[in-house]
Amino acid sequence: MKKAFGRSLDDFLPLRDAENKLLHACASGTDLALSHGRPEQKTPENALRAEFVRFLALGGDESAAIHEMGVQVEGAWIEGSLNLDHCTVRRIWLGKCYFEKTLEMRNAQFQGSLHLNGSSIPGVKGDGLICHGSIFFRSGVIKDRACELRSSTIYGGLEFSGSSFLGGQKNDDALGLDRAKIYGSIFFNKNFHAVGKVCLSGVVVDGSLQISQASIECGSEPSEYLLDLKGASIAVALLFRDMILPVNGVNLEGATVKYLVDEYLAWGDGLNFGSFYFEFFQGVGLRVSASERSSWLRKQKQSESLDVSHINAQPWMNVVNALARSGLPEHAVQVGMDFESLKYFGEKKIVRPEESKSKFKGVFGRIFKRFIGLLSCVLIGYGYKPWRLLGWFVFFWFAGGSLYWYAELEKSILPSSPLVYLNNELSEECKANWVLCESMPDSHSAFSPFVYSLDVLLPVVDLDQEKNWTMKTPGMKEKFLDEIFINWSFGHLLRFMYWFQVIFGWGSGLIFVAMITGLLKRQEK
């Protein structure tokens, strides 16, 4: 029966010395070392035809039986293009080999693991491949084109530690793993180096993604994102630490991960955290300070929004919740307050020419919003420190009580009921100091400065002080300027304190109700 060319041993006769050695090694299931390291030049002792390697990888024929261990060779010079497209291949080990041309294995199926440790390859085209083991490419080099493994399925892991992907030097991506399914973990460790874009958008990883002691640089073709993890799903952890250089342009939009293990110094600028979700910080991620975490979030790429209120709150709230779940409530509070501060007092609003008509409206709107933000920060720490409101309440209670006490001594506190003044005898006896007058009837409540202060502050509570006592305030001047600039006295100060306490009391009461309502809603959620 006639076979296709390249599927019979006769198609390769006479064999070279290196090929003859490899044939015997494949038959016995042993590995073959043609040189001590990766060859720098082709010699008769290390040269293998790519077509012959393919013939052995596909199982040989009746004249060339292949052991279950498959092809195992190290230090070979692979001459020509090794094309394994749409092939079913046994376990193959091509360590420290030099490939003259791109390794092609689109839609191939590997029944075992693929070992390419230490090899130098111009490029890899492996979109849609299925590997029932792992792919090992430690300390290797892909020097001219991208390593393309898009939509591939790897039932083990991917090991790229110590390798260099240099496709970006020639206007190409460094690595393409878009929409791949990895049942193990992916490792970019130990001096991993990439020049050009590393694309992992839509990748699904059942293990972890580890990127440490690595560097990712921009190639000759500028790219918005150097590390693209858009829509990636990582079941366990994303490790991003000990980077040789901070990575600029990391896209995590829509990505999900359970644990984030990162260092602040590993991240560069131009980050995208839109809809990025993770549950916990772990490891070194727990040692990142709250200020560093806020600075990390500020590295996000901001849209050309007209208002800082358009800042995406989701990444900030995700970090706050993750910090709380990770046992760092103080960090969560600080990051939450930093977000509120950015929202109220962030970058200056950009006014475009077509919107100049609303310029003043925008200015006053920003002033009002920042005033509200300042009050929120001072009074309740943007809602993260509600106990501050109690502190301010106690402070103004004592401040008002002290002022009313002094006003009592200055004879500035008077009864508010007109009936008291109708008693001429009582008015004559008590006009020196109504508060200290012993002739006041027992039915009239005695003045207490601190109870009076508390009665003014509490809007819905009647302590029988505010309705029975009032303060002495001088009358208004005839001229407007005199009223504004001259007519000032201790009585005016008393009146201002009274008005301030009324406003503060109602405001703090409304804030307290809002906080209680919000707390109940969060607990229900």
Protein backbone atom coordinates (compact mmCIF):
# COMPACT_ATOMS: atom_id res chain seq x y z
CA MET A 1 0.00 0.00 0.00
CA LYS A 2 1.45 3.29 -1.09
CA LYS A 3 1.93 5.91 1.65
CA ALA A 4 2.13 9.69 1.51
CA PHE A 5 5.63 11.10 1.20
CA GLY A 6 7.31 11.42 4.55
CA ARG A 7 5.46 8.51 6.16
CA SER A 8 7.94 5.81 5.18
CA LEU A 9 11.54 5.31 6.28
CA ASP A 10 12.53 4.71 2.64
CA ASP A 11 11.73 8.36 1.89
CA PHE A 12 14.71 9.43 4.05
CA LEU A 13 17.37 6.93 3.05
CA PRO A 14 20.27 7.17 3.24
CA LEU A 15 20.11 8.44 6.84
CA ARG A 16 22.66 10.83 8.27
CA ASP A 17 24.74 9.76 11.26
CA ALA A 18 22.69 11.90 13.71
CA GLU A 19 19.44 10.63 12.21
CA ASN A 20 20.56 7.01 12.48
CA LYS A 21 21.39 7.55 16.16
CA LEU A 22 17.98 9.15 16.76
CA LEU A 23 16.22 6.21 15.05
CA HIS A 24 17.87 3.72 17.39
CA ALA A 25 17.15 5.92 20.44
CA CYS A 26 13.46 6.13 19.52
CA ALA A 27 13.28 2.35 19.13
CA SER A 28 14.82 1.74 22.56
CA GLY A 29 12.95 4.58 24.37
CA THR A 30 16.11 6.42 25.41
CA ASP A 31 17.06 10.05 24.99
CA LEU A 32 19.78 11.19 22.61
CA ALA A 33 22.22 14.04 23.31
CA LEU A 34 23.86 15.23 20.08
CA SER A 35 25.72 18.08 21.84
CA HIS A 36 26.21 19.40 25.34
CA GLY A 37 24.20 22.58 24.81
CA ARG A 38 22.22 24.39 22.17
CA PRO A 39 24.29 24.27 18.95
CA GLU A 40 25.55 27.52 17.49
CA GLN A 41 26.16 26.10 14.03
CA LYS A 42 25.09 23.13 11.95
CA THR A 43 27.46 20.15 11.74
CA PRO A 44 27.08 16.58 10.45
CA GLU A 45 27.04 15.42 14.07
CA ASN A 46 23.98 17.52 15.11
CA ALA A 47 21.91 18.14 11.96
CA LEU A 48 18.46 16.53 11.70
CA ARG A 49 16.02 17.02 8.87
CA ALA A 50 12.73 18.43 10.16
CA GLU A 51 10.80 16.00 7.91
CA PHE A 52 12.58 13.03 9.53
CA VAL A 53 11.79 14.29 13.02
CA ARG A 54 8.14 14.61 11.94
CA PHE A 55 8.20 11.02 10.61
CA LEU A 56 9.38 9.73 13.97
CA ALA A 57 6.98 11.94 15.94
CA LEU A 58 4.04 10.48 13.99
CA GLY A 59 5.04 6.94 14.98
CA GLY A 60 7.38 5.85 12.18
CA ASP A 61 6.39 2.76 10.15
CA GLU A 62 6.87 -1.02 10.17
CA SER A 63 10.58 -0.51 9.51
CA ALA A 64 11.02 2.13 12.22
CA ALA A 65 9.23 1.14 15.43
CA ILE A 66 8.89 3.98 17.95
CA HIS A 67 8.88 3.35 21.69
CA GLU A 68 6.06 4.76 23.84
CA MET A 69 8.53 7.33 25.21
CA GLY A 70 8.45 9.02 21.82
CA VAL A 71 11.13 11.27 20.34
CA GLN A 72 13.75 12.44 22.85
CA VAL A 73 16.65 14.45 21.51
CA GLU A 74 18.81 17.24 22.87
CA GLY A 75 21.29 19.58 21.20
CA ALA A 76 20.05 19.08 17.63
CA TRP A 77 20.05 21.47 14.69
CA ILE A 78 16.59 21.12 13.12
CA GLU A 79 17.05 21.72 9.42
CA GLY A 80 14.02 23.02 7.53
CA SER A 81 10.47 23.57 8.82
CA LEU A 82 8.99 21.15 11.36
CA ASN A 83 5.33 21.08 10.34
CA LEU A 84 3.02 19.22 12.70
CA ASP A 85 -0.22 20.92 11.65
CA HIS A 86 -3.28 18.68 12.25
CA CYS A 87 -1.05 15.83 13.41
CA THR A 88 -1.46 13.47 16.36
CA VAL A 89 1.88 13.23 18.10
CA ARG A 90 3.20 11.10 20.93
CA ARG A 91 5.36 12.50 23.69
CA ILE A 92 8.13 14.63 22.15
CA TRP A 93 11.25 16.13 23.71
CA LEU A 94 13.30 18.62 21.67
CA GLY A 95 15.54 20.18 24.29
CA LYS A 96 18.26 22.74 23.59
CA CYS A 97 17.64 22.48 19.86
CA TYR A 98 18.09 25.12 17.21
CA PHE A 99 15.22 25.48 14.75
CA GLU A 100 15.99 27.05 11.40
CA LYS A 101 12.34 27.87 10.69
CA THR A 102 9.04 28.41 12.50
CA LEU A 103 7.63 25.46 14.43
CA GLU A 104 4.16 24.81 13.03
CA MET A 105 1.65 22.76 15.01
CA ARG A 106 -1.78 24.30 14.39
CA ASN A 107 -4.66 22.07 15.52
CA ALA A 108 -2.17 19.34 16.43
CA GLN A 109 -2.84 16.85 19.22
CA PHE A 110 -0.07 15.83 21.61
CA GLN A 111 -0.83 12.65 23.53
CA GLY A 112 1.82 13.52 26.09
CA SER A 113 3.83 16.59 27.06
CA LEU A 114 5.76 18.84 24.68
CA HIS A 115 9.29 19.65 25.86
CA LEU A 116 11.15 22.52 24.20
CA ASN A 117 13.39 23.58 27.10
CA GLY A 118 16.39 25.65 26.08
CA SER A 119 15.53 25.66 22.36
CA SER A 120 15.84 28.57 19.95
CA ILE A 121 12.92 28.94 17.56
CA PRO A 122 12.16 31.70 15.03
CA GLY A 123 8.44 31.48 15.89
CA VAL A 124 5.67 29.12 16.95
CA LYS A 125 2.32 28.73 15.20
CA GLY A 126 0.18 26.50 17.38
CA ASP A 127 -3.33 27.95 17.36
CA GLY A 128 -5.96 25.39 18.30
CA LEU A 129 -3.54 22.67 19.45
CA ILE A 130 -4.54 20.15 22.11
CA CYS A 131 -1.91 18.91 24.54
CA HIS A 132 -2.84 16.15 26.98
CA GLY A 133 0.21 16.92 29.08
CA SER A 134 2.13 20.15 29.71
CA ILE A 135 4.18 22.42 27.48
CA PHE A 136 7.67 23.13 28.80
CA PHE A 137 9.71 25.95 27.31
CA ARG A 138 12.18 26.94 30.02
CA SER A 139 15.21 29.10 29.15
CA GLY A 140 14.33 29.12 25.47
CA VAL A 141 14.27 31.85 22.84
CA ILE A 142 11.61 32.74 20.28
CA LYS A 143 13.50 35.32 18.35
CA ASP A 144 11.69 36.52 15.24
CA ARG A 145 7.96 35.89 15.38
CA ALA A 146 5.28 35.48 18.00
CA CYS A 147 4.52 32.32 19.92
CA GLU A 148 0.91 31.74 18.87
CA LEU A 149 -1.15 29.33 20.98
CA ARG A 150 -4.57 30.93 20.63
CA SER A 151 -7.65 28.83 21.34
CA SER A 152 -5.44 25.94 22.42
CA THR A 153 -6.28 23.41 25.13
CA ILE A 154 -3.57 22.37 27.56
CA TYR A 155 -4.52 19.67 30.06
CA GLY A 156 -1.38 20.32 32.06
CA GLY A 157 0.46 23.62 32.59
CA LEU A 158 2.56 26.10 30.64
CA GLU A 159 6.13 26.67 31.81
CA PHE A 160 7.85 29.67 30.20
CA SER A 161 10.24 30.56 33.04
CA GLY A 162 13.59 31.95 31.96
CA SER A 163 12.59 32.21 28.29
CA SER A 164 12.77 35.18 25.96
CA PHE A 165 9.98 36.06 23.52
CA LEU A 166 11.37 38.66 21.12
CA GLY A 167 8.70 38.86 18.44
CA GLY A 168 8.09 42.52 19.22
CA GLN A 169 11.50 43.43 17.81
CA LYS A 170 10.09 42.75 14.33
CA ASN A 171 6.62 44.33 14.57
CA ASP A 172 4.95 41.24 16.01
CA ASP A 173 3.46 40.22 19.35
CA ALA A 174 5.60 38.35 21.82
CA LEU A 175 3.00 35.76 22.88
CA GLY A 176 -0.58 35.01 21.93
CA LEU A 177 -2.62 32.84 24.32
CA ASP A 178 -6.02 34.40 23.68
CA ARG A 179 -9.03 32.20 24.51
CA ALA A 180 -6.80 29.28 25.55
CA LYS A 181 -7.93 26.77 28.16
CA ILE A 182 -5.25 25.78 30.66
CA TYR A 183 -6.11 23.09 33.19
CA GLY A 184 -2.92 23.69 35.17
CA SER A 185 -0.96 26.89 35.85
CA ILE A 186 1.06 29.33 33.72
CA PHE A 187 4.56 30.36 34.81
CA PHE A 188 6.45 33.45 33.64
CA ASN A 189 9.23 33.40 36.23
CA LYS A 190 13.02 33.51 36.68
CA ASN A 191 14.11 36.19 34.21
CA PHE A 192 11.30 35.67 31.75
CA HIS A 193 11.68 38.40 29.13
CA ALA A 194 9.23 39.56 26.49
CA VAL A 195 9.62 42.26 23.87
CA GLY A 196 6.21 43.06 22.49
CA LYS A 197 2.66 42.42 23.59
CA VAL A 198 1.78 39.41 25.76
CA CYS A 199 -1.84 38.55 24.91
CA LEU A 200 -3.84 36.43 27.34
CA SER A 201 -7.30 37.88 26.72
CA GLY A 202 -10.08 35.45 27.44
CA VAL A 203 -7.71 32.78 28.75
CA VAL A 204 -9.18 30.31 31.25
CA VAL A 205 -6.73 28.99 33.86
CA ASP A 206 -7.80 26.38 36.39
CA GLY A 207 -4.62 26.97 38.40
CA SER A 208 -2.62 30.17 38.90
CA LEU A 209 -0.90 32.71 36.68
CA GLN A 210 2.56 33.49 38.06
CA ILE A 211 4.55 36.46 36.75
CA SER A 212 7.63 37.20 38.83
CA GLN A 213 11.26 38.16 38.28
CA ALA A 214 10.23 39.02 34.73
CA SER A 215 10.24 41.94 32.32
CA ILE A 216 7.84 42.91 29.54
CA GLU A 217 9.00 45.69 27.24
CA CYS A 218 7.48 47.58 24.34
CA GLY A 219 8.62 46.40 20.92
CA SER A 220 9.22 48.39 17.74
CA GLU A 221 5.45 48.69 17.27
CA PRO A 222 3.88 50.72 20.12
CA SER A 223 1.00 48.98 21.88
CA GLU A 224 -1.63 50.35 24.26
CA TYR A 225 -1.26 47.33 26.52
CA LEU A 226 1.86 45.22 26.99
CA LEU A 227 0.08 42.62 29.11
CA ASP A 228 -3.51 41.98 28.01
CA LEU A 229 -5.62 39.91 30.40
CA LYS A 230 -8.99 41.21 29.28
CA GLY A 231 -11.74 38.79 30.24
CA ALA A 232 -9.28 36.25 31.68
CA SER A 233 -10.58 33.78 34.26
CA ILE A 234 -8.02 32.55 36.79
CA ALA A 235 -9.39 30.07 39.31
CA VAL A 236 -6.72 30.42 42.00
CA ALA A 237 -4.19 33.26 42.11
CA LEU A 238 -2.58 35.99 40.04
CA LEU A 239 1.00 36.45 41.24
CA PHE A 240 2.58 39.69 40.03
CA ARG A 241 5.71 40.48 42.00
CA ASP A 242 9.50 40.96 41.99
CA MET A 243 9.42 42.36 38.47
CA ILE A 244 12.73 43.38 36.94
CA LEU A 245 11.01 46.50 35.57
CA PRO A 246 7.51 47.84 36.32
CA VAL A 247 5.10 46.80 33.58
CA ASN A 248 3.31 49.68 31.87
CA GLY A 249 -0.01 49.03 30.20
CA VAL A 250 -1.68 46.07 31.94
CA ASN A 251 -5.25 45.38 30.86
CA LEU A 252 -7.34 43.52 33.44
CA GLU A 253 -10.73 44.62 32.19
CA GLY A 254 -13.34 42.00 33.00
CA ALA A 255 -10.76 39.58 34.44
CA THR A 256 -11.61 37.45 37.49
CA VAL A 257 -9.29 35.82 40.02
CA LYS A 258 -9.68 34.53 43.56
CA TYR A 259 -6.39 35.70 45.11
CA LEU A 260 -4.25 38.67 44.11
CA VAL A 261 -0.62 38.36 45.21
CA ASP A 262 1.15 41.49 44.04
CA GLU A 263 3.69 44.18 44.87
CA TYR A 264 3.15 47.86 44.28
CA LEU A 265 6.49 48.33 42.50
CA ALA A 266 5.62 45.67 39.92
CA TRP A 267 2.92 47.87 38.36
CA GLY A 268 3.70 50.67 35.95
CA ASP A 269 1.32 53.26 34.52
CA GLY A 270 -1.57 52.98 32.08
CA LEU A 271 -3.49 50.24 33.90
CA ASN A 272 -7.07 49.19 33.17
CA PHE A 273 -9.02 47.66 36.08
CA GLY A 274 -12.52 48.09 34.64
CA SER A 275 -14.76 45.27 35.97
CA PHE A 276 -11.66 43.47 37.30
CA TYR A 277 -12.78 41.31 40.21
CA PHE A 278 -10.85 39.41 42.85
CA GLU A 279 -11.90 38.14 46.26
CA PHE A 280 -8.83 38.32 48.49
CA PHE A 281 -5.34 39.72 48.80
CA GLN A 282 -2.79 37.12 49.76
CA GLY A 283 0.94 36.81 50.49
CA VAL A 284 2.90 39.96 49.68
CA GLY A 285 -0.36 41.59 48.58
CA LEU A 286 -1.27 41.86 52.27
CA ARG A 287 1.89 43.91 52.91
CA VAL A 288 1.04 46.66 50.43
CA SER A 289 0.14 49.76 52.44
CA ALA A 290 -3.19 51.55 52.06
CA SER A 291 -1.52 54.59 50.48
CA GLU A 292 0.29 52.37 47.96
CA ARG A 293 -2.95 50.58 47.15
CA SER A 294 -4.67 53.91 46.50
CA SER A 295 -1.74 55.03 44.36
CA TRP A 296 -2.02 51.74 42.46
CA LEU A 297 -5.67 52.47 41.70
CA ARG A 298 -4.80 56.00 40.60
CA LYS A 299 -2.58 54.50 37.88
CA GLN A 300 -5.71 53.53 35.95
CA LYS A 301 -6.14 55.07 32.53
CA GLN A 302 -8.76 57.77 32.92
CA SER A 303 -11.22 58.56 30.17
CA GLU A 304 -11.53 62.15 28.98
CA SER A 305 -14.40 62.69 31.39
CA LEU A 306 -15.67 66.15 32.03
CA ASP A 307 -16.13 65.46 35.70
CA VAL A 308 -14.16 63.50 38.25
CA SER A 309 -17.45 62.06 39.46
CA HIS A 310 -17.32 59.89 36.33
CA ILE A 311 -14.37 57.98 37.74
CA ASN A 312 -15.08 54.25 37.66
CA ALA A 313 -15.93 53.34 41.24
CA GLN A 314 -15.99 49.55 40.70
CA PRO A 315 -12.21 48.94 41.00
CA TRP A 316 -12.05 51.05 44.16
CA MET A 317 -15.00 49.33 45.80
CA ASN A 318 -13.62 45.92 44.79
CA VAL A 319 -10.33 46.74 46.51
CA VAL A 320 -12.16 48.02 49.60
CA ASN A 321 -14.23 44.84 49.85
CA ALA A 322 -11.23 42.59 49.18
CA LEU A 323 -9.22 44.34 51.91
CA ALA A 324 -12.08 43.87 54.35
CA ARG A 325 -12.42 40.18 53.44
CA SER A 326 -8.65 39.76 53.80
CA GLY A 327 -8.65 40.97 57.40
CA LEU A 328 -7.42 44.53 56.71
CA PRO A 329 -10.38 46.74 57.70
CA GLU A 330 -8.15 49.76 58.46
CA HIS A 331 -6.70 49.60 54.93
CA ALA A 332 -10.22 49.25 53.53
CA VAL A 333 -11.37 52.40 55.34
CA GLN A 334 -8.35 54.40 54.17
CA VAL A 335 -8.70 53.34 50.52
CA GLY A 336 -12.43 54.10 50.62
CA MET A 337 -11.72 57.57 52.00
CA ASP A 338 -9.06 58.16 49.35
CA PHE A 339 -11.62 57.34 46.66
CA GLU A 340 -14.15 59.75 48.12
CA SER A 341 -11.45 62.41 48.33
CA LEU A 342 -10.54 61.81 44.68
CA LYS A 343 -14.20 61.98 43.71
CA TYR A 344 -14.73 65.31 45.42
CA PHE A 345 -11.31 66.94 45.08
CA GLY A 346 -9.78 65.17 42.05
CA GLU A 347 -8.29 66.55 38.87
CA LYS A 348 -9.57 69.86 37.56
CA LYS A 349 -12.48 69.57 35.21
CA ILE A 350 -11.72 70.10 31.51
CA VAL A 351 -14.06 72.57 29.82
CA ARG A 352 -14.23 72.17 26.05
CA PRO A 353 -15.01 75.17 23.79
CA GLU A 354 -18.49 73.91 22.88
CA GLU A 355 -19.36 73.82 26.55
CA SER A 356 -18.17 77.31 27.44
CA LYS A 357 -21.78 78.44 28.01
CA SER A 358 -22.01 76.18 31.02
CA LYS A 359 -18.59 77.16 32.35
CA PHE A 360 -19.82 79.17 35.32
CA LYS A 361 -22.45 76.59 36.13
CA GLY A 362 -19.74 73.97 36.15
CA VAL A 363 -17.48 76.11 38.36
CA PHE A 364 -20.17 76.69 40.98
CA GLY A 365 -21.21 73.05 40.73
CA ARG A 366 -17.65 71.94 41.50
CA ILE A 367 -17.37 74.42 44.37
CA PHE A 368 -20.61 73.14 45.90
CA LYS A 369 -19.60 69.51 45.40
CA ARG A 370 -16.22 70.09 47.00
CA PHE A 371 -17.89 71.89 49.90
CA ILE A 372 -20.15 68.88 50.44
CA GLY A 373 -17.12 66.61 50.13
CA LEU A 374 -15.23 68.64 52.72
CA LEU A 375 -18.13 68.37 55.15
CA SER A 376 -18.42 64.65 54.52
CA CYS A 377 -14.69 64.18 55.12
CA VAL A 378 -14.57 66.27 58.30
CA LEU A 379 -17.81 65.04 59.87
CA ILE A 380 -17.96 61.33 59.02
CA GLY A 381 -14.81 60.47 57.05
CA TYR A 382 -16.90 59.97 53.87
CA GLY A 383 -19.02 57.48 55.79
CA TYR A 384 -16.09 55.23 56.73
CA LYS A 385 -15.61 56.86 60.16
CA PRO A 386 -19.14 57.60 61.43
CA TRP A 387 -17.90 57.90 65.00
CA ARG A 388 -16.48 61.29 64.03
CA LEU A 389 -20.04 62.67 63.98
CA LEU A 390 -20.49 61.73 67.64
CA GLY A 391 -17.21 63.45 68.47
CA TRP A 392 -18.29 66.65 66.73
CA PHE A 393 -21.70 66.47 68.45
CA VAL A 394 -20.08 66.22 71.88
CA PHE A 395 -17.67 69.03 70.99
CA PHE A 396 -20.41 71.47 69.93
CA TRP A 397 -22.52 70.42 72.91
CA PHE A 398 -19.76 71.41 75.34
CA ALA A 399 -18.81 74.49 73.31
CA GLY A 400 -22.40 75.72 73.31
CA GLY A 401 -22.90 74.86 76.98
CA SER A 402 -19.76 76.78 77.95
CA LEU A 403 -20.83 79.80 75.91
CA TYR A 404 -24.33 79.78 77.43
CA TRP A 405 -22.78 79.47 80.89
CA TYR A 406 -20.72 82.60 80.26
CA ALA A 407 -23.83 84.29 78.80
CA GLU A 408 -25.66 83.48 82.05
CA LEU A 409 -22.98 85.33 84.03
CA GLU A 410 -23.14 88.25 81.55
CA LYS A 411 -26.92 88.52 82.11
CA SER A 412 -27.64 87.68 78.46
CA ILE A 413 -30.08 84.84 79.17
CA LEU A 414 -33.72 85.88 79.60
CA PRO A 415 -37.06 84.11 80.05
CA SER A 416 -38.91 83.65 76.76
CA SER A 417 -42.45 83.70 78.18
CA PRO A 418 -44.19 87.15 78.05
CA LEU A 419 -46.22 86.25 81.15
CA VAL A 420 -43.13 86.53 83.31
CA TYR A 421 -42.66 90.20 82.40
CA LEU A 422 -46.29 91.07 83.27
CA ASN A 423 -45.46 90.54 86.96
CA ASN A 424 -43.93 93.93 87.80
CA GLU A 425 -42.72 92.86 91.20
CA LEU A 426 -40.94 89.81 89.77
CA SER A 427 -39.45 91.86 86.94
CA GLU A 428 -38.05 94.37 89.37
CA GLU A 429 -36.46 91.70 91.58
CA CYS A 430 -35.01 89.60 88.77
CA LYS A 431 -33.92 92.16 86.18
CA ALA A 432 -30.34 92.06 87.51
CA ASN A 433 -29.97 88.36 86.55
CA TRP A 434 -33.00 86.32 85.60
CA VAL A 435 -31.16 83.01 85.76
CA LEU A 436 -29.89 83.45 89.31
CA CYS A 437 -33.03 85.12 90.64
CA GLU A 438 -34.46 83.21 93.62
CA SER A 439 -37.91 84.73 93.17
CA MET A 440 -38.61 82.86 89.95
CA PRO A 441 -41.69 80.63 90.41
CA ASP A 442 -41.08 76.92 90.84
CA SER A 443 -43.29 76.19 87.84
CA HIS A 444 -40.71 77.86 85.58
CA SER A 445 -37.85 75.47 84.76
CA ALA A 446 -34.42 76.54 85.99
CA PHE A 447 -31.81 77.37 83.37
CA SER A 448 -29.04 74.80 82.79
CA PRO A 449 -26.49 75.84 80.15
CA PHE A 450 -25.50 72.33 79.08
CA VAL A 451 -29.06 71.01 79.04
CA TYR A 452 -30.03 74.10 77.02
CA SER A 453 -27.21 73.36 74.57
CA LEU A 454 -28.37 69.76 74.26
CA ASP A 455 -31.98 70.86 73.77
CA VAL A 456 -30.96 73.10 70.86
CA LEU A 457 -28.87 70.34 69.24
CA LEU A 458 -31.55 67.64 69.46
CA PRO A 459 -34.20 68.64 66.88
CA VAL A 460 -37.01 66.29 67.93
CA VAL A 461 -36.42 66.19 71.70
CA ASP A 462 -37.95 68.75 74.11
CA LEU A 463 -35.96 69.18 77.35
CA ASP A 464 -38.07 72.17 78.47
CA GLN A 465 -35.16 74.59 78.13
CA GLU A 466 -35.32 76.11 74.68
CA LYS A 467 -39.01 77.04 74.98
CA ASN A 468 -38.56 78.72 78.40
CA TRP A 469 -35.31 80.63 77.88
CA THR A 470 -33.92 82.85 75.16
CA MET A 471 -30.92 85.13 74.66
CA LYS A 472 -30.53 88.88 74.59
CA THR A 473 -29.62 90.26 71.17
CA PRO A 474 -29.15 93.97 70.30
CA GLY A 475 -31.51 95.51 67.76
CA MET A 476 -30.70 96.27 64.15
CA LYS A 477 -28.95 99.52 63.08
CA GLU A 478 -30.68 101.96 60.79
CA LYS A 479 -27.93 101.98 58.16
CA PHE A 480 -27.09 98.82 56.26
CA LEU A 481 -23.29 99.25 56.42
CA ASP A 482 -23.45 99.93 60.15
CA GLU A 483 -25.43 96.72 60.61
CA ILE A 484 -22.89 94.71 58.63
CA PHE A 485 -19.63 96.16 59.91
CA ILE A 486 -20.36 97.88 63.25
CA ASN A 487 -23.31 96.23 64.98
CA TRP A 488 -21.44 93.29 66.54
CA SER A 489 -21.73 92.24 70.17
CA PHE A 490 -21.64 89.22 72.44
CA GLY A 491 -25.37 88.81 71.86
CA HIS A 492 -24.76 88.32 68.14
CA LEU A 493 -22.22 85.61 68.93
CA LEU A 494 -24.82 83.88 71.09
CA ARG A 495 -27.37 84.05 68.30
CA PHE A 496 -24.91 82.66 65.74
CA MET A 497 -24.07 79.77 68.05
CA TYR A 498 -27.77 79.06 68.49
CA TRP A 499 -28.40 79.08 64.73
CA PHE A 500 -25.35 76.92 64.09
CA GLN A 501 -26.44 74.37 66.68
CA VAL A 502 -29.93 74.18 65.17
CA ILE A 503 -28.52 73.59 61.67
CA PHE A 504 -25.90 71.13 62.91
CA GLY A 505 -28.48 69.25 64.96
CA TRP A 506 -30.83 68.76 62.03
CA GLY A 507 -27.98 67.97 59.64
CA SER A 508 -26.33 65.43 61.91
CA GLY A 509 -29.71 63.83 62.58
CA LEU A 510 -30.35 63.40 58.85
CA ILE A 511 -26.84 62.02 58.35
CA PHE A 512 -27.35 59.58 61.21
CA VAL A 513 -30.61 58.32 59.70
CA ALA A 514 -28.94 57.98 56.29
CA MET A 515 -26.06 55.99 57.78
CA ILE A 516 -28.41 53.66 59.69
CA THR A 517 -30.49 53.12 56.55
CA GLY A 518 -27.38 52.43 54.47
CA LEU A 519 -26.06 50.01 57.08
CA LEU A 520 -29.32 48.07 57.10
CA LYS A 521 -29.31 47.90 53.31
CA ARG A 522 -25.72 46.60 53.26
CA GLN A 523 -26.55 43.96 55.85
CA GLU A 524 -29.62 42.91 53.88
CA LYS A 525 -27.52 42.69 50.73
